[in-house]
Amino acid sequence: MKIILSLIIIVACYHSFSYGVYLWKIEKEKLASFGVMLLTFLGTVIPIAAVYVII
């Protein structure tokens, strides 16, 4: 169950991460891309860590 929940979280964050890559490569907005990728990374790691530590 934890693995399925982790996969759902990763799939949900994939769209935001791909937007960060788009900003980096196409729009040449390095700072905005870094912010989006950082938020996506934290939005993925913290909930997954919470699933494995708390639940």
N, C-alpha and C. Protein backbone atom coordinates (compact mmCIF):
# COMPACT_ATOMS: atom_id res chain seq x y z
N MET A 1 0.82 -1.19 0.00
CA MET A 1 0.00 0.00 0.00
C MET A 1 0.86 1.26 0.00
N LYS A 2 1.96 1.22 0.76
CA LYS A 2 2.85 2.39 0.81
C LYS A 2 3.50 2.65 -0.54
N ILE A 3 3.83 1.59 -1.25
CA ILE A 3 4.46 1.75 -2.56
C ILE A 3 3.48 2.37 -3.55
N ILE A 4 2.25 1.93 -3.52
CA ILE A 4 1.23 2.48 -4.43
C ILE A 4 0.99 3.96 -4.12
N LEU A 5 0.91 4.30 -2.85
CA LEU A 5 0.73 5.69 -2.46
C LEU A 5 1.93 6.54 -2.89
N SER A 6 3.12 6.00 -2.75
CA SER A 6 4.33 6.71 -3.19
C SER A 6 4.32 6.93 -4.69
N LEU A 7 3.89 5.94 -5.44
CA LEU A 7 3.82 6.09 -6.90
C LEU A 7 2.79 7.14 -7.31
N ILE A 8 1.69 7.20 -6.62
CA ILE A 8 0.68 8.23 -6.91
C ILE A 8 1.24 9.62 -6.65
N ILE A 9 1.99 9.79 -5.57
CA ILE A 9 2.60 11.08 -5.26
C ILE A 9 3.62 11.46 -6.33
N ILE A 10 4.43 10.49 -6.75
CA ILE A 10 5.44 10.76 -7.77
C ILE A 10 4.80 11.13 -9.10
N VAL A 11 3.76 10.43 -9.48
CA VAL A 11 3.07 10.74 -10.74
C VAL A 11 2.44 12.13 -10.68
N ALA A 12 1.90 12.51 -9.55
CA ALA A 12 1.29 13.83 -9.42
C ALA A 12 2.33 14.94 -9.51
N CYS A 13 3.53 14.70 -9.03
CA CYS A 13 4.59 15.71 -9.05
C CYS A 13 5.36 15.74 -10.37
N TYR A 14 5.17 14.74 -11.20
CA TYR A 14 5.89 14.67 -12.47
C TYR A 14 5.55 15.86 -13.37
N HIS A 15 4.30 16.26 -13.39
CA HIS A 15 3.88 17.36 -14.25
C HIS A 15 4.59 18.65 -13.86
N SER A 16 4.65 18.93 -12.59
CA SER A 16 5.34 20.15 -12.13
C SER A 16 6.82 20.10 -12.45
N PHE A 17 7.44 18.95 -12.28
CA PHE A 17 8.86 18.82 -12.59
C PHE A 17 9.12 19.02 -14.08
N SER A 18 8.26 18.47 -14.91
CA SER A 18 8.45 18.65 -16.35
C SER A 18 8.24 20.11 -16.75
N TYR A 19 7.38 20.83 -16.04
CA TYR A 19 7.22 22.27 -16.27
C TYR A 19 8.51 23.00 -15.90
N GLY A 20 9.16 22.58 -14.82
CA GLY A 20 10.44 23.17 -14.45
C GLY A 20 11.51 22.96 -15.52
N VAL A 21 11.53 21.77 -16.09
CA VAL A 21 12.47 21.49 -17.18
C VAL A 21 12.15 22.36 -18.39
N TYR A 22 10.87 22.54 -18.68
CA TYR A 22 10.45 23.40 -19.79
C TYR A 22 10.92 24.84 -19.56
N LEU A 23 10.75 25.34 -18.34
CA LEU A 23 11.21 26.69 -18.04
C LEU A 23 12.71 26.81 -18.23
N TRP A 24 13.46 25.80 -17.82
CA TRP A 24 14.91 25.83 -17.91
C TRP A 24 15.38 25.82 -19.36
N LYS A 25 14.82 24.93 -20.17
CA LYS A 25 15.32 24.74 -21.53
C LYS A 25 14.71 25.70 -22.55
N ILE A 26 13.41 25.86 -22.53
CA ILE A 26 12.74 26.62 -23.59
C ILE A 26 12.65 28.11 -23.24
N GLU A 27 12.19 28.41 -22.04
CA GLU A 27 11.99 29.80 -21.66
C GLU A 27 13.25 30.48 -21.13
N LYS A 28 14.27 29.71 -20.81
CA LYS A 28 15.55 30.21 -20.28
C LYS A 28 15.36 30.99 -18.97
N GLU A 29 14.41 30.57 -18.18
CA GLU A 29 14.15 31.17 -16.87
C GLU A 29 14.75 30.26 -15.80
N LYS A 30 16.01 30.48 -15.50
CA LYS A 30 16.73 29.60 -14.58
C LYS A 30 16.21 29.70 -13.15
N LEU A 31 15.96 30.90 -12.66
CA LEU A 31 15.51 31.08 -11.29
C LEU A 31 14.11 30.51 -11.08
N ALA A 32 13.22 30.78 -12.00
CA ALA A 32 11.86 30.24 -11.90
C ALA A 32 11.88 28.72 -11.99
N SER A 33 12.73 28.20 -12.86
CA SER A 33 12.85 26.76 -13.00
C SER A 33 13.38 26.13 -11.72
N PHE A 34 14.37 26.75 -11.11
CA PHE A 34 14.92 26.24 -9.86
C PHE A 34 13.85 26.24 -8.77
N GLY A 35 13.05 27.30 -8.70
CA GLY A 35 11.99 27.37 -7.70
C GLY A 35 10.94 26.29 -7.90
N VAL A 36 10.53 26.08 -9.13
CA VAL A 36 9.53 25.05 -9.42
C VAL A 36 10.08 23.67 -9.09
N MET A 37 11.32 23.41 -9.48
CA MET A 37 11.90 22.10 -9.21
C MET A 37 12.12 21.87 -7.72
N LEU A 38 12.50 22.91 -6.99
CA LEU A 38 12.68 22.79 -5.55
C LEU A 38 11.35 22.49 -4.85
N LEU A 39 10.32 23.23 -5.22
CA LEU A 39 9.00 22.97 -4.64
C LEU A 39 8.49 21.57 -4.99
N THR A 40 8.74 21.15 -6.21
CA THR A 40 8.32 19.81 -6.62
C THR A 40 9.08 18.75 -5.84
N PHE A 41 10.39 18.96 -5.68
CA PHE A 41 11.20 18.00 -4.94
C PHE A 41 10.73 17.89 -3.50
N LEU A 42 10.52 19.03 -2.86
CA LEU A 42 10.06 19.02 -1.47
C LEU A 42 8.64 18.48 -1.37
N GLY A 43 7.82 18.78 -2.36
CA GLY A 43 6.45 18.27 -2.38
C GLY A 43 6.36 16.79 -2.65
N THR A 44 7.45 16.20 -3.10
CA THR A 44 7.50 14.76 -3.32
C THR A 44 8.16 14.05 -2.14
N VAL A 45 9.28 14.57 -1.70
CA VAL A 45 10.07 13.90 -0.67
C VAL A 45 9.39 13.94 0.71
N ILE A 46 8.87 15.08 1.09
CA ILE A 46 8.27 15.20 2.42
C ILE A 46 7.04 14.29 2.59
N PRO A 47 6.09 14.27 1.66
CA PRO A 47 4.96 13.35 1.84
C PRO A 47 5.36 11.87 1.80
N ILE A 48 6.31 11.52 0.93
CA ILE A 48 6.74 10.11 0.89
C ILE A 48 7.45 9.74 2.18
N ALA A 49 8.28 10.65 2.71
CA ALA A 49 8.94 10.37 3.98
C ALA A 49 7.91 10.24 5.10
N ALA A 50 6.89 11.07 5.06
CA ALA A 50 5.83 10.99 6.07
C ALA A 50 5.08 9.66 5.99
N VAL A 51 4.87 9.19 4.78
CA VAL A 51 4.17 7.90 4.61
C VAL A 51 4.97 6.77 5.24
N TYR A 52 6.27 6.78 5.01
CA TYR A 52 7.09 5.67 5.53
C TYR A 52 7.45 5.82 7.00
N VAL A 53 7.51 7.03 7.52
CA VAL A 53 7.87 7.23 8.92
C VAL A 53 6.65 7.18 9.84
N ILE A 54 5.61 7.88 9.47
CA ILE A 54 4.45 8.03 10.35
C ILE A 54 3.47 6.85 10.22
N ILE A 55 3.16 6.50 8.98
CA ILE A 55 2.14 5.47 8.77
C ILE A 55 2.74 4.09 8.91
